[in-house]
N, C-alpha and C. Protein backbone atom coordinates (compact mmCIF):
# COMPACT_ATOMS: atom_id res chain seq x y z
N UNK A 1 69.50 90.11 79.56
CA UNK A 1 68.70 91.25 79.44
C UNK A 1 67.61 91.47 80.44
N UNK A 2 67.71 92.86 80.87
CA UNK A 2 66.61 93.19 81.80
C UNK A 2 65.07 93.19 81.23
N UNK A 3 64.40 92.71 82.10
CA UNK A 3 62.83 92.65 81.56
C UNK A 3 62.45 94.07 81.77
N UNK A 4 61.73 94.69 80.59
CA UNK A 4 61.16 95.94 80.65
C UNK A 4 59.64 95.97 80.98
N UNK A 5 58.93 94.70 80.51
CA UNK A 5 57.37 94.70 80.65
C UNK A 5 57.23 93.26 80.47
N UNK A 6 56.16 92.98 81.21
CA UNK A 6 55.47 91.60 81.21
C UNK A 6 54.02 91.70 81.08
N UNK A 7 53.44 90.83 80.25
CA UNK A 7 52.17 90.55 80.19
C UNK A 7 51.50 89.10 80.04
N UNK A 8 50.43 88.79 80.64
CA UNK A 8 50.05 87.37 80.34
C UNK A 8 48.58 87.65 79.89
N UNK A 9 48.42 86.75 78.85
CA UNK A 9 47.03 86.78 78.13
C UNK A 9 46.46 85.34 78.32
N UNK A 10 45.20 85.25 78.51
CA UNK A 10 44.28 83.99 78.61
C UNK A 10 43.23 84.09 77.50
N UNK A 11 42.97 83.16 76.66
CA UNK A 11 41.89 83.34 75.74
C UNK A 11 41.20 81.83 75.85
N UNK A 12 39.94 81.77 76.18
CA UNK A 12 39.28 80.46 76.31
C UNK A 12 38.61 80.07 75.15
N UNK A 13 38.05 80.99 74.33
CA UNK A 13 37.22 80.84 73.05
C UNK A 13 36.95 82.05 72.43
N UNK A 14 36.92 81.93 71.30
CA UNK A 14 36.62 83.22 70.36
C UNK A 14 37.82 84.08 70.35
N UNK A 15 37.52 85.35 70.05
CA UNK A 15 38.59 86.34 69.90
C UNK A 15 38.84 87.05 71.35
N UNK A 16 37.93 87.11 72.12
CA UNK A 16 38.00 87.83 73.38
C UNK A 16 39.21 87.13 74.17
N UNK A 17 39.92 88.09 74.70
CA UNK A 17 41.12 87.65 75.59
C UNK A 17 41.37 88.57 76.79
N UNK A 18 41.67 87.84 77.90
CA UNK A 18 41.92 88.55 79.20
C UNK A 18 43.50 88.79 79.10
N UNK A 19 43.71 90.09 79.40
CA UNK A 19 45.15 90.26 79.64
C UNK A 19 45.47 90.87 81.17
N UNK A 20 46.51 90.22 81.59
CA UNK A 20 46.80 90.77 83.18
C UNK A 20 48.21 91.31 82.88
N UNK A 21 48.19 92.51 83.27
CA UNK A 21 49.51 93.45 83.44
C UNK A 21 49.62 93.76 84.87
N UNK A 22 50.46 93.05 85.50
CA UNK A 22 50.70 93.30 86.92
C UNK A 22 49.18 93.10 87.76
N UNK A 23 48.78 94.25 88.49
CA UNK A 23 47.41 94.30 89.08
C UNK A 23 46.45 94.66 88.37
N UNK A 24 46.62 94.85 86.98
CA UNK A 24 45.61 95.43 86.05
C UNK A 24 45.15 94.37 85.11
N UNK A 25 43.90 94.31 84.95
CA UNK A 25 43.18 93.36 83.92
C UNK A 25 42.66 94.26 82.98
N UNK A 26 42.90 93.66 81.63
CA UNK A 26 42.28 94.54 80.29
C UNK A 26 41.76 93.22 79.38
N UNK A 27 40.90 93.56 78.59
CA UNK A 27 40.32 92.82 77.79
C UNK A 27 40.53 93.23 76.20
N UNK A 28 40.86 92.39 75.47
CA UNK A 28 41.25 92.55 74.06
C UNK A 28 40.25 91.65 73.27
N UNK A 29 39.75 92.24 72.01
CA UNK A 29 38.74 91.54 71.31
C UNK A 29 38.96 92.18 69.74
N UNK A 30 38.24 91.49 68.88
CA UNK A 30 38.15 92.34 67.80
C UNK A 30 36.59 92.69 67.67
N UNK A 31 36.34 93.47 66.60
CA UNK A 31 35.03 94.15 66.42
C UNK A 31 34.31 93.29 65.80
N UNK A 32 32.83 93.18 66.08
CA UNK A 32 31.92 92.33 65.66
C UNK A 32 32.14 92.15 63.91
N UNK A 33 32.28 93.11 63.47
CA UNK A 33 32.63 93.20 62.02
C UNK A 33 33.74 92.33 61.46
N UNK A 34 34.46 92.02 62.35
CA UNK A 34 35.72 91.45 62.11
C UNK A 34 35.61 89.88 62.83
N UNK A 35 34.33 89.70 63.16
CA UNK A 35 34.18 88.12 63.68
C UNK A 35 34.41 88.17 65.54
N UNK A 36 34.63 89.25 66.07
CA UNK A 36 34.93 89.06 67.40
C UNK A 36 33.41 89.60 68.11
N UNK A 37 33.49 89.82 69.39
CA UNK A 37 32.51 90.29 70.16
C UNK A 37 32.39 91.87 70.74
N UNK A 38 33.58 92.48 70.40
CA UNK A 38 33.76 93.77 70.52
C UNK A 38 33.68 94.02 72.11
N UNK A 39 34.52 93.14 72.87
CA UNK A 39 34.36 93.37 74.40
C UNK A 39 35.45 94.15 74.89
N UNK A 40 36.39 94.63 73.96
CA UNK A 40 37.60 95.50 74.27
C UNK A 40 38.37 95.83 72.98
N UNK A 41 39.24 96.71 73.20
CA UNK A 41 40.10 97.15 71.98
C UNK A 41 40.78 96.12 71.17
N UNK A 42 40.84 96.16 69.97
CA UNK A 42 41.55 95.28 68.94
C UNK A 42 43.11 95.34 69.23
N UNK A 43 43.75 94.35 68.89
CA UNK A 43 45.15 94.40 69.06
C UNK A 43 45.91 95.61 68.68
N UNK A 44 45.62 96.12 67.35
CA UNK A 44 46.21 97.35 66.89
C UNK A 44 45.88 98.62 67.69
N UNK A 45 44.79 98.59 68.25
CA UNK A 45 44.32 99.56 69.09
C UNK A 45 45.00 99.65 70.31
N UNK A 46 45.30 98.37 70.98
CA UNK A 46 46.13 98.51 72.00
C UNK A 46 47.86 98.76 71.86
N UNK A 47 48.30 98.63 70.55
CA UNK A 47 49.62 98.73 70.16
C UNK A 47 49.63 100.50 70.22
N UNK A 48 48.52 101.24 69.58
CA UNK A 48 48.53 102.49 69.29
C UNK A 48 48.42 103.22 70.63
N UNK A 49 47.48 102.36 71.50
CA UNK A 49 47.40 103.07 72.96
C UNK A 49 48.74 103.19 73.79
N UNK A 50 49.49 101.96 73.61
CA UNK A 50 50.83 102.10 74.17
C UNK A 50 51.66 103.22 73.70
N UNK A 51 51.66 103.45 72.45
CA UNK A 51 52.28 104.37 71.96
C UNK A 51 51.71 105.87 72.43
N UNK A 52 50.64 106.22 72.25
CA UNK A 52 50.17 107.54 72.91
C UNK A 52 50.41 107.65 74.41
N UNK A 53 50.16 106.50 75.07
CA UNK A 53 50.56 106.85 76.57
C UNK A 53 51.90 107.11 76.74
N UNK A 54 52.75 106.34 76.23
CA UNK A 54 54.30 106.55 76.54
C UNK A 54 54.57 108.03 76.02
N UNK A 55 53.97 108.36 74.91
CA UNK A 55 54.22 109.77 74.41
C UNK A 55 53.86 110.84 75.41
N UNK A 56 52.46 110.66 75.96
CA UNK A 56 52.15 111.69 76.93
C UNK A 56 52.86 111.65 78.19
N UNK A 57 53.29 110.47 78.75
CA UNK A 57 53.89 110.24 79.95
C UNK A 57 55.31 110.95 79.85
N UNK A 58 55.99 110.58 78.75
CA UNK A 58 57.30 110.88 78.55
C UNK A 58 57.34 112.43 78.48
N UNK A 59 56.55 113.19 77.58
CA UNK A 59 56.37 114.62 77.45
C UNK A 59 56.11 115.28 78.65
N UNK A 60 55.17 114.60 79.51
CA UNK A 60 54.98 115.38 80.74
C UNK A 60 56.16 115.17 81.73
N UNK A 61 56.91 114.10 81.98
CA UNK A 61 58.09 114.01 82.70
C UNK A 61 59.12 114.97 82.21
N UNK A 62 59.34 115.02 81.04
CA UNK A 62 60.51 116.18 80.40
C UNK A 62 60.09 117.52 80.79
N UNK A 63 58.72 117.75 80.57
CA UNK A 63 58.20 119.38 81.01
C UNK A 63 58.40 119.52 82.33
N UNK A 64 57.94 118.64 83.22
CA UNK A 64 58.11 118.91 84.70
C UNK A 64 59.59 119.22 85.04
N UNK A 65 60.61 118.39 84.38
CA UNK A 65 62.00 118.52 84.62
C UNK A 65 62.46 119.85 84.23
N UNK A 66 61.84 120.43 83.06
CA UNK A 66 62.45 121.76 82.49
C UNK A 66 61.59 122.78 83.00
N UNK A 67 60.40 122.55 83.93
CA UNK A 67 59.58 123.52 84.26
C UNK A 67 58.58 124.08 83.38
N UNK A 68 58.26 123.37 82.37
CA UNK A 68 57.33 123.82 81.27
C UNK A 68 55.97 123.31 81.89
N UNK A 69 54.91 124.36 81.55
CA UNK A 69 53.50 123.95 81.97
C UNK A 69 52.88 123.65 80.35
N UNK A 70 52.51 122.42 80.36
CA UNK A 70 51.82 121.95 79.12
C UNK A 70 50.32 121.91 79.07
N UNK A 71 49.78 121.97 80.43
CA UNK A 71 48.18 121.78 80.42
C UNK A 71 47.92 120.24 80.03
N UNK A 72 46.79 120.27 79.51
CA UNK A 72 46.36 118.93 78.87
C UNK A 72 47.07 118.39 77.74
N UNK A 73 47.48 117.23 77.80
CA UNK A 73 48.21 116.72 76.58
C UNK A 73 47.17 115.84 75.70
N UNK A 74 47.07 116.00 74.57
CA UNK A 74 46.01 115.37 73.60
C UNK A 74 46.96 114.56 72.58
N UNK A 75 46.77 113.16 72.46
CA UNK A 75 47.66 112.48 71.46
C UNK A 75 46.69 111.80 70.57
N UNK A 76 46.55 112.02 69.50
CA UNK A 76 45.76 111.19 68.46
C UNK A 76 46.72 110.33 67.54
N UNK A 77 46.50 109.02 67.45
CA UNK A 77 47.58 108.28 66.77
C UNK A 77 46.68 107.31 65.75
N UNK A 78 47.11 107.05 64.64
CA UNK A 78 46.33 106.14 63.70
C UNK A 78 47.35 105.37 63.04
N UNK A 79 46.85 104.18 62.68
CA UNK A 79 47.76 103.19 61.70
C UNK A 79 47.08 103.13 60.27
N UNK A 80 47.98 103.46 59.34
CA UNK A 80 47.48 103.21 57.98
C UNK A 80 48.31 102.06 57.43
N UNK A 81 47.65 101.49 56.56
CA UNK A 81 48.40 100.43 55.61
C UNK A 81 48.45 100.71 54.16
N UNK A 82 49.46 100.82 53.52
CA UNK A 82 49.55 101.18 52.11
C UNK A 82 49.09 100.01 51.36
N UNK A 83 48.02 99.77 50.74
CA UNK A 83 47.47 98.59 50.08
C UNK A 83 48.40 98.03 49.04
N UNK A 84 48.97 99.03 48.34
CA UNK A 84 49.89 98.59 47.26
C UNK A 84 51.17 97.93 47.63
N UNK A 85 51.81 98.47 48.69
CA UNK A 85 53.01 97.94 49.15
C UNK A 85 52.97 97.11 50.28
N UNK A 86 51.92 97.37 51.31
CA UNK A 86 51.65 96.54 52.46
C UNK A 86 52.45 97.11 53.55
N UNK A 87 52.99 98.39 53.45
CA UNK A 87 53.76 99.09 54.35
C UNK A 87 52.90 99.79 55.34
N UNK A 88 53.22 99.78 56.53
CA UNK A 88 52.52 100.42 57.65
C UNK A 88 53.04 101.85 57.96
N UNK A 89 51.94 102.81 58.29
CA UNK A 89 52.62 104.07 58.63
C UNK A 89 51.76 104.48 59.86
N UNK A 90 52.17 105.01 60.83
CA UNK A 90 51.75 105.49 62.05
C UNK A 90 51.70 107.09 61.99
N UNK A 91 50.51 107.66 62.16
CA UNK A 91 50.38 109.07 62.20
C UNK A 91 50.07 109.46 63.61
N UNK A 92 50.90 110.56 64.14
CA UNK A 92 50.73 110.77 65.66
C UNK A 92 50.61 112.26 65.72
N UNK A 93 49.64 112.97 66.13
CA UNK A 93 49.22 114.31 66.31
C UNK A 93 49.36 114.60 67.72
N UNK A 94 50.10 115.58 68.30
CA UNK A 94 50.15 115.81 69.56
C UNK A 94 49.81 117.37 69.75
N UNK A 95 48.90 117.59 70.81
CA UNK A 95 48.74 119.04 71.27
C UNK A 95 48.61 119.29 72.66
N UNK A 96 48.58 120.51 73.09
CA UNK A 96 48.66 120.83 74.45
C UNK A 96 47.67 122.05 74.64
N UNK A 97 47.06 121.94 75.78
CA UNK A 97 46.20 123.12 76.25
C UNK A 97 46.88 124.47 76.36
N UNK A 98 48.13 124.29 76.88
CA UNK A 98 48.85 125.38 77.38
C UNK A 98 49.64 126.15 76.22
N UNK A 99 49.64 127.27 76.15
CA UNK A 99 50.47 128.08 75.05
C UNK A 99 51.83 127.85 75.17
N UNK A 100 52.40 127.32 74.10
CA UNK A 100 53.78 126.87 74.05
C UNK A 100 54.63 127.82 72.75
N UNK A 101 55.80 128.04 73.06
CA UNK A 101 56.46 128.82 72.13
C UNK A 101 57.05 127.73 71.09
N UNK A 102 57.58 128.26 69.97
CA UNK A 102 57.99 127.45 68.80
C UNK A 102 59.02 126.73 69.14
N UNK A 103 60.13 127.19 70.01
CA UNK A 103 61.29 126.15 70.32
C UNK A 103 60.81 125.15 71.29
N UNK A 104 59.81 125.35 72.09
CA UNK A 104 59.24 124.38 73.15
C UNK A 104 58.58 123.13 72.20
N UNK A 105 57.95 123.47 71.35
CA UNK A 105 57.12 122.59 70.51
C UNK A 105 58.07 121.87 69.63
N UNK A 106 59.09 122.46 69.23
CA UNK A 106 60.00 121.71 68.48
C UNK A 106 60.93 120.72 69.10
N UNK A 107 61.19 121.25 70.55
CA UNK A 107 61.85 120.20 71.51
C UNK A 107 61.06 119.28 72.02
N UNK A 108 59.74 119.31 71.91
CA UNK A 108 58.75 118.44 72.37
C UNK A 108 58.66 117.31 71.32
N UNK A 109 58.65 117.87 70.01
CA UNK A 109 58.40 117.11 69.00
C UNK A 109 59.60 116.12 68.76
N UNK A 110 60.76 116.51 69.11
CA UNK A 110 61.94 115.76 69.00
C UNK A 110 62.02 114.87 70.20
N UNK A 111 61.56 115.12 71.30
CA UNK A 111 61.52 114.37 72.32
C UNK A 111 60.46 113.12 72.03
N UNK A 112 59.28 113.44 71.34
CA UNK A 112 58.28 112.37 71.03
C UNK A 112 59.05 111.34 70.15
N UNK A 113 59.79 111.66 69.24
CA UNK A 113 60.55 110.65 68.42
C UNK A 113 61.55 109.76 69.26
N UNK A 114 61.71 110.08 70.45
CA UNK A 114 62.55 109.45 71.22
C UNK A 114 61.90 108.64 72.51
N UNK A 115 60.69 108.57 72.56
CA UNK A 115 60.13 107.93 73.55
C UNK A 115 60.47 106.33 73.46
N UNK A 116 60.33 105.62 74.62
CA UNK A 116 60.69 104.32 74.54
C UNK A 116 59.80 103.36 73.51
N UNK A 117 58.59 103.65 73.47
CA UNK A 117 57.71 102.63 72.71
C UNK A 117 57.99 103.22 71.38
N UNK A 118 58.12 104.49 71.16
CA UNK A 118 58.50 104.86 69.87
C UNK A 118 59.54 104.42 69.26
N UNK A 119 60.78 104.32 69.92
CA UNK A 119 61.93 103.61 69.52
C UNK A 119 61.79 102.29 69.26
N UNK A 120 61.15 101.45 70.09
CA UNK A 120 60.81 99.73 70.01
C UNK A 120 59.94 99.70 68.66
N UNK A 121 59.02 100.49 68.37
CA UNK A 121 58.23 100.34 67.10
C UNK A 121 59.21 100.73 65.94
N UNK A 122 59.75 101.69 65.89
CA UNK A 122 60.79 102.17 64.77
C UNK A 122 61.70 101.00 64.57
N UNK A 123 62.49 100.43 65.71
CA UNK A 123 63.38 99.83 65.51
C UNK A 123 63.04 98.33 65.24
N UNK A 124 61.90 98.11 65.36
CA UNK A 124 61.27 96.65 65.18
C UNK A 124 61.97 95.49 65.87
N UNK A 125 61.38 95.25 67.17
CA UNK A 125 61.78 94.25 68.17
C UNK A 125 61.71 92.97 67.41
N UNK A 126 62.81 92.23 67.86
CA UNK A 126 62.74 90.65 67.58
C UNK A 126 61.74 89.94 68.49
N UNK A 127 61.17 88.96 67.84
CA UNK A 127 60.24 88.28 68.78
C UNK A 127 60.70 86.74 68.76
N UNK A 128 60.85 86.21 69.86
CA UNK A 128 61.13 84.77 70.08
C UNK A 128 59.98 84.02 70.54
N UNK A 129 59.28 83.09 69.89
CA UNK A 129 58.30 82.28 70.35
C UNK A 129 58.72 81.10 70.89
N UNK A 130 57.95 80.61 71.99
CA UNK A 130 58.28 79.36 72.73
C UNK A 130 56.91 78.79 72.91
N UNK A 131 56.79 77.34 72.26
CA UNK A 131 55.70 76.69 72.45
C UNK A 131 56.05 75.57 73.35
N UNK A 132 55.50 75.21 74.66
CA UNK A 132 55.62 74.20 75.46
C UNK A 132 55.30 72.94 74.84
N UNK A 133 56.02 71.92 74.86
CA UNK A 133 55.60 70.75 74.14
C UNK A 133 55.98 69.60 75.05
N UNK A 134 55.07 68.55 75.46
CA UNK A 134 55.31 67.47 76.02
C UNK A 134 55.77 66.26 75.09
N UNK A 135 57.25 66.13 75.47
CA UNK A 135 57.91 65.18 74.31
C UNK A 135 57.75 63.62 74.94
N UNK A 136 57.64 62.85 74.15
CA UNK A 136 57.75 61.47 74.64
C UNK A 136 58.80 60.64 75.22
N UNK A 137 59.48 61.55 76.05
CA UNK A 137 60.64 61.18 76.67
C UNK A 137 60.36 60.75 78.06
N UNK A 138 60.00 59.34 78.30
CA UNK A 138 59.53 59.06 79.69
C UNK A 138 60.72 59.07 80.62
N UNK A 139 60.27 59.51 81.93
CA UNK A 139 61.01 59.48 82.90
C UNK A 139 60.50 58.90 84.23
N UNK A 140 61.35 57.83 84.69
CA UNK A 140 60.87 56.98 85.75
C UNK A 140 61.03 57.59 87.04
N UNK A 141 60.12 57.86 87.83
CA UNK A 141 60.03 58.47 88.89
C UNK A 141 60.33 57.48 90.13
N UNK A 142 60.77 57.72 91.31
CA UNK A 142 61.07 56.88 92.48
C UNK A 142 59.80 55.81 92.70
N UNK A 143 58.68 56.60 92.50
CA UNK A 143 57.30 55.77 92.73
C UNK A 143 57.18 54.71 91.69
N UNK A 144 57.77 54.63 90.43
CA UNK A 144 57.47 53.84 89.48
C UNK A 144 56.63 54.40 88.47
N UNK A 145 55.96 55.56 88.70
CA UNK A 145 55.19 56.26 87.94
C UNK A 145 55.79 56.67 86.77
N UNK A 146 54.99 56.59 85.52
CA UNK A 146 55.74 57.05 84.24
C UNK A 146 55.33 58.65 84.23
N UNK A 147 56.30 59.46 84.09
CA UNK A 147 56.17 60.81 83.88
C UNK A 147 56.88 61.03 82.39
N UNK A 148 56.46 62.53 81.88
CA UNK A 148 57.06 62.81 80.61
C UNK A 148 57.78 64.19 80.95
N UNK A 149 58.96 64.11 80.42
CA UNK A 149 59.64 65.38 80.34
C UNK A 149 58.98 66.66 79.61
N UNK A 150 58.78 67.79 80.20
CA UNK A 150 58.33 68.94 79.54
C UNK A 150 59.44 69.79 79.11
N UNK A 151 59.47 70.05 77.78
CA UNK A 151 60.56 70.89 77.34
C UNK A 151 59.80 72.08 76.67
N UNK A 152 60.74 73.28 76.37
CA UNK A 152 60.32 74.26 75.53
C UNK A 152 60.86 74.25 74.22
N UNK A 153 60.02 74.35 73.14
CA UNK A 153 60.57 74.17 72.04
C UNK A 153 60.48 75.75 71.48
N UNK A 154 61.74 76.24 71.06
CA UNK A 154 61.80 77.50 70.33
C UNK A 154 61.33 77.45 68.84
N UNK A 155 60.49 78.37 68.53
CA UNK A 155 59.99 78.57 66.94
C UNK A 155 60.53 79.93 66.27
N UNK A 156 61.36 79.60 65.42
CA UNK A 156 61.87 80.82 64.83
C UNK A 156 60.67 81.39 64.06
N UNK A 157 60.74 82.78 63.95
CA UNK A 157 59.82 83.67 63.18
C UNK A 157 60.62 84.41 62.41
């Protein structure tokens, strides 16, 4: 399978995390009211940010190809949880500063439903966890030093 994206995160203590995305550095954290230090967006906020960014980028790319002027794009996304069922619901409102016709708006709404991040969230990506484990399998090196084999143990979720 080809890799679509790659992110590396380091967390030394507490909730604050440093995220490396290519040459970019981000910080994630929880709000102080949730025990964090509020040094960056919370994980759900980062998820919604990815959805909003993918929406705007995809719509802009399609509009350029079709020769449509969208002006400024505003995407407002929120996550709600049904307390009775535990179900999550994401609401996304998209607006444009340019005057658009009804057919254009309908086409853009249809395209928004097909953005890559939208499709991934709706499909529910499988997640495979790997936790490196130093197993007590001694390996004798030429120097006579005792080494331990490092393996990756898959964890089913």
